[in-house]
C-alpha atoms as a PDB file:
ATOM      1  CA  MET A   1       0.000   0.000   0.000  1.00  0.00           C
ATOM      2  CA  VAL A   2       1.298   3.449  -0.921  1.00  0.00           C
ATOM      3  CA  PRO A   3       1.304   5.942   2.011  1.00  0.00           C
ATOM      4  CA  TYR A   4      -1.117   8.880   1.666  1.00  0.00           C
ATOM      5  CA  GLY A   5       1.620  11.519   1.250  1.00  0.00           C
ATOM      6  CA  LYS A   6       3.312   9.494  -1.483  1.00  0.00           C
ATOM      7  CA  MET A   7      -0.037   8.885  -3.183  1.00  0.00           C
ATOM      8  CA  ALA A   8      -0.732  12.635  -3.246  1.00  0.00           C
ATOM      9  CA  GLN A   9       2.670  13.262  -4.851  1.00  0.00           C
ATOM     10  CA  LEU A  10       2.071  10.491  -7.375  1.00  0.00           C
ATOM     11  CA  TYR A  11      -1.409  11.801  -8.184  1.00  0.00           C
ATOM     12  CA  GLN A  12       0.095  15.107  -9.345  1.00  0.00           C
ATOM     13  CA  LEU A  13       2.127  13.196 -11.950  1.00  0.00           C
ATOM     14  CA  VAL A  14      -0.810  11.338 -13.504  1.00  0.00           C
ATOM     15  CA  PRO A  15      -2.059  12.816 -16.791  1.00  0.00           C
ATOM     16  CA  LEU A  16      -5.827  13.153 -17.064  1.00  0.00           C
ATOM     17  CA  PRO A  17      -7.578  10.573 -19.275  1.00  0.00           C
ATOM     18  CA  LEU A  18      -8.118  13.090 -22.060  1.00  0.00           C
ATOM     19  CA  GLY A  19      -6.950  13.274 -25.660  1.00  0.00           C
ATOM     20  CA  ILE A  20      -4.118  10.889 -26.410  1.00  0.00           C
ATOM     21  CA  PHE A  21      -4.316   9.529 -22.846  1.00  0.00           C
ATOM     22  CA  SER A  22      -8.033   8.656 -22.994  1.00  0.00           C
ATOM     23  CA  GLY A  23      -7.445   4.972 -23.758  1.00  0.00           C
ATOM     24  CA  LEU A  24      -4.898   4.427 -20.997  1.00  0.00           C
ATOM     25  CA  SER A  25      -5.526   2.895 -17.589  1.00  0.00           C
ATOM     26  CA  LEU A  26      -4.673   4.699 -14.366  1.00  0.00           C
ATOM     27  CA  VAL A  27      -1.558   2.533 -13.904  1.00  0.00           C
ATOM     28  CA  GLU A  28      -0.415   3.246 -17.473  1.00  0.00           C
ATOM     29  CA  ARG A  29      -0.918   6.994 -17.026  1.00  0.00           C
ATOM     30  CA  ALA A  30       0.831   6.918 -13.628  1.00  0.00           C
ATOM     31  CA  ALA A  31       3.797   4.998 -15.083  1.00  0.00           C
ATOM     32  CA  LEU A  32       3.985   7.490 -17.941  1.00  0.00           C
ATOM     33  CA  GLY A  33       3.907  10.379 -15.458  1.00  0.00           C
ATOM     34  CA  LEU A  34       6.743   8.854 -13.420  1.00  0.00           C
ATOM     35  CA  LEU A  35       8.826   8.288 -16.542  1.00  0.00           C
ATOM     36  CA  TYR A  36       8.176  11.853 -17.695  1.00  0.00           C
ATOM     37  CA  ASP A  37       9.144  13.225 -14.285  1.00  0.00           C
ATOM     38  CA  ARG A  38      12.398  11.268 -14.320  1.00  0.00           C
ATOM     39  CA  MET A  39      12.954  12.265 -17.962  1.00  0.00           C
ATOM     40  CA  LYS A  40      12.854  15.948 -16.970  1.00  0.00           C
ATOM     41  CA  LEU A  41      15.701  15.255 -14.544  1.00  0.00           C
ATOM     42  CA  SER A  42      17.694  13.441 -17.243  1.00  0.00           C
ATOM     43  CA  VAL A  43      17.194  16.340 -19.651  1.00  0.00           C
ATOM     44  CA  HIS A  44      18.375  18.774 -16.978  1.00  0.00           C
ATOM     45  CA  HIS A  45      21.527  16.701 -16.363  1.00  0.00           C
ATOM     46  CA  HIS A  46      22.123  16.349 -20.093  1.00  0.00           C
ATOM     47  CA  LEU A  47      21.871  20.092 -20.680  1.00  0.00           C
ATOM     48  CA  SER A  48      24.155  20.908 -17.745  1.00  0.00           C
ATOM     49  CA  ASP A  49      26.853  18.493 -18.992  1.00  0.00           C
ATOM     50  CA  PRO A  50      29.628  20.482 -20.706  1.00  0.00           C
ATOM     51  CA  GLU A  51      30.352  17.533 -23.000  1.00  0.00           C
ATOM     52  CA  GLY A  52      26.663  17.111 -23.834  1.00  0.00           C
ATOM     53  CA  GLY A  53      26.847  13.319 -23.653  1.00  0.00           C
ATOM     54  CA  ALA A  54      25.297  12.606 -20.263  1.00  0.00           C
ATOM     55  CA  TRP A  55      21.994  10.731 -20.452  1.00  0.00           C
ATOM     56  CA  LEU A  56      22.096  10.706 -24.259  1.00  0.00           C
ATOM     57  CA  ASP A  57      21.795   7.394 -26.061  1.00  0.00           C
ATOM     58  CA  GLU A  58      23.967   7.688 -29.156  1.00  0.00           C
ATOM     59  CA  ASP A  59      22.103   4.981 -31.097  1.00  0.00           C
ATOM     60  CA  GLU A  60      18.702   6.597 -30.518  1.00  0.00           C
ATOM     61  CA  ASN A  61      20.118  10.149 -30.411  1.00  0.00           C
ATOM     62  CA  GLN A  62      17.689  10.871 -27.580  1.00  0.00           C
ATOM     63  CA  VAL A  63      17.860  11.559 -23.874  1.00  0.00           C
ATOM     64  CA  TYR A  64      16.721   8.650 -21.717  1.00  0.00           C
ATOM     65  CA  CYS A  65      15.854   8.013 -18.095  1.00  0.00           C
ATOM     66  CA  ILE A  66      16.581   4.921 -16.043  1.00  0.00           C
ATOM     67  CA  TYR A  67      13.985   3.082 -13.985  1.00  0.00           C
ATOM     68  CA  SER A  68      13.754  -0.521 -12.841  1.00  0.00           C
ATOM     69  CA  GLN A  69      10.413  -2.272 -13.081  1.00  0.00           C
ATOM     70  CA  THR A  70      10.800  -3.189  -9.410  1.00  0.00           C
ATOM     71  CA  GLU A  71      11.128   0.485  -8.483  1.00  0.00           C
ATOM     72  CA  LEU A  72       8.177   1.484 -10.683  1.00  0.00           C
ATOM     73  CA  ALA A  73       6.045  -1.245  -9.098  1.00  0.00           C
ATOM     74  CA  LYS A  74       6.995  -0.125  -5.598  1.00  0.00           C
ATOM     75  CA  VAL A  75       6.195   3.540  -6.284  1.00  0.00           C
ATOM     76  CA  LEU A  76       2.909   2.667  -7.991  1.00  0.00           C
ATOM     77  CA  GLY A  77       1.923   0.129  -5.324  1.00  0.00           C
ATOM     78  CA  VAL A  78       1.323  -2.637  -7.864  1.00  0.00           C
ATOM     79  CA  SER A  79       3.045  -5.863  -8.900  1.00  0.00           C
ATOM     80  CA  GLU A  80       5.945  -5.991 -11.327  1.00  0.00           C
ATOM     81  CA  ARG A  81       3.729  -7.975 -13.703  1.00  0.00           C
ATOM     82  CA  THR A  82       1.205  -5.115 -13.699  1.00  0.00           C
ATOM     83  CA  VAL A  83       4.024  -2.688 -14.495  1.00  0.00           C
ATOM     84  CA  ARG A  84       5.221  -4.919 -17.358  1.00  0.00           C
ATOM     85  CA  ARG A  85       1.697  -5.064 -18.817  1.00  0.00           C
ATOM     86  CA  ALA A  86       1.336  -1.276 -18.505  1.00  0.00           C
ATOM     87  CA  LEU A  87       4.703  -0.688 -20.194  1.00  0.00           C
ATOM     88  CA  GLU A  88       3.867  -3.155 -22.966  1.00  0.00           C
ATOM     89  CA  HIS A  89       0.638  -1.268 -23.658  1.00  0.00           C
ATOM     90  CA  LEU A  90       2.460   2.089 -23.640  1.00  0.00           C
ATOM     91  CA  GLU A  91       4.952   0.651 -26.120  1.00  0.00           C
ATOM     92  CA  ALA A  92       2.151  -0.703 -28.321  1.00  0.00           C
ATOM     93  CA  GLU A  93       0.635   2.801 -28.333  1.00  0.00           C
ATOM     94  CA  ASN A  94       4.040   4.191 -29.436  1.00  0.00           C
ATOM     95  CA  LEU A  95       4.328   6.364 -26.326  1.00  0.00           C
ATOM     96  CA  VAL A  96       7.339   4.735 -24.647  1.00  0.00           C
ATOM     97  CA  TRP A  97      10.128   2.367 -25.632  1.00  0.00           C
ATOM     98  CA  TRP A  98      13.123   1.038 -23.771  1.00  0.00           C
ATOM     99  CA  LYS A  99      16.446  -0.716 -23.955  1.00  0.00           C
ATOM    100  CA  LYS A 100      17.980  -3.088 -21.451  1.00  0.00           C
ATOM    101  CA  THR A 101      20.914  -1.812 -19.425  1.00  0.00           C
ATOM    102  CA  LYS A 102      23.427  -3.564 -17.244  1.00  0.00           C
ATOM    103  CA  TYR A 103      22.623  -1.338 -14.282  1.00  0.00           C
ATOM    104  CA  GLN A 104      20.842  -3.552 -11.727  1.00  0.00           C
ATOM    105  CA  GLY A 105      18.221  -4.718 -14.200  1.00  0.00           C
ATOM    106  CA  ALA A 106      16.972  -1.216 -14.952  1.00  0.00           C
ATOM    107  CA  ASN A 107      15.977  -0.089 -18.428  1.00  0.00           C
ATOM    108  CA  LYS A 108      16.726   3.015 -20.448  1.00  0.00           C
ATOM    109  CA  TYR A 109      13.325   4.551 -21.178  1.00  0.00           C
ATOM    110  CA  PHE A 110      12.571   6.895 -24.033  1.00  0.00           C
ATOM    111  CA  LEU A 111       9.421   8.959 -24.491  1.00  0.00           C
ATOM    112  CA  ASN A 112       7.914   9.725 -27.849  1.00  0.00           C
ATOM    113  CA  GLN A 113       8.630  13.390 -28.662  1.00  0.00           C
ATOM    114  CA  SER A 114       4.943  14.194 -29.189  1.00  0.00           C
ATOM    115  CA  ILE A 115       4.178  12.882 -25.685  1.00  0.00           C
ATOM    116  CA  ARG A 116       6.887  15.068 -24.203  1.00  0.00           C
ATOM    117  CA  GLU A 117       5.368  18.081 -25.981  1.00  0.00           C
ATOM    118  CA  VAL A 118       1.855  17.357 -24.703  1.00  0.00           C
ATOM    119  CA  LEU A 119       3.042  16.758 -21.144  1.00  0.00           C
ATOM    120  CA  ARG A 120       5.242  19.863 -21.205  1.00  0.00           C
ATOM    121  CA  CYS A 121       2.627  22.393 -22.278  1.00  0.00           C
ATOM    122  CA  THR A 122       1.409  24.765 -19.582  1.00  0.00           C
ATOM    123  CA  GLN A 123      -1.167  27.464 -19.204  1.00  0.00           C
ATOM    124  CA  SER A 124      -0.110  31.081 -19.483  1.00  0.00           C
ATOM    125  CA  GLY A 125       0.993  32.497 -16.139  1.00  0.00           C
ATOM    126  CA  GLN A 126       1.359  29.117 -14.485  1.00  0.00           C
ATOM    127  CA  ASN A 127       4.296  29.066 -12.043  1.00  0.00           C
ATOM    128  CA  VAL A 128       4.557  25.327 -11.513  1.00  0.00           C
ATOM    129  CA  GLN A 129       4.956  23.098 -14.536  1.00  0.00           C
ATOM    130  CA  SER A 130       2.477  20.330 -13.849  1.00  0.00           C
ATOM    131  CA  ILE A 131       1.555  17.493 -16.135  1.00  0.00           C
ATOM    132  CA  ARG A 132      -1.266  18.467 -18.446  1.00  0.00           C
ATOM    133  CA  SER A 133      -3.062  16.143 -20.771  1.00  0.00           C
ATOM    134  CA  ASP A 134      -5.633  18.511 -22.223  1.00  0.00           C
ATOM    135  CA  CYS A 135      -3.184  20.486 -24.353  1.00  0.00           C
ATOM    136  CA  PRO A 136      -3.413  20.277 -28.139  1.00  0.00           C
ATOM    137  CA  VAL A 137      -0.944  17.971 -29.852  1.00  0.00           C
END
């Protein structure tokens, strides 16, 4: 069971079931929100790297984030099998893809650029960049 405070933090990361997210389950949207949140950190580290190579996969030519399915399951309060099913559906919808790494069984996750654009958009005057799913693609 996820503690209330953690659940409230997680809830802020879940895109609403609107637009391109309308066919996704709550677990799929929550996993996508967690990956997006971690992706923002990877992008920040990539941009602050003087060499420009940190968190950049040369084969994909894209920034990635690292998450283990065990960690995702723990944060979401579900089984690893549920996380695998959610990730498989997100991949089938062309929203997320991943590569295996050698780092403790974690994967390199990539987000489709259009998803990053939708999740990034904010309302005018908004101070905090929250996840929005009702922005036009």
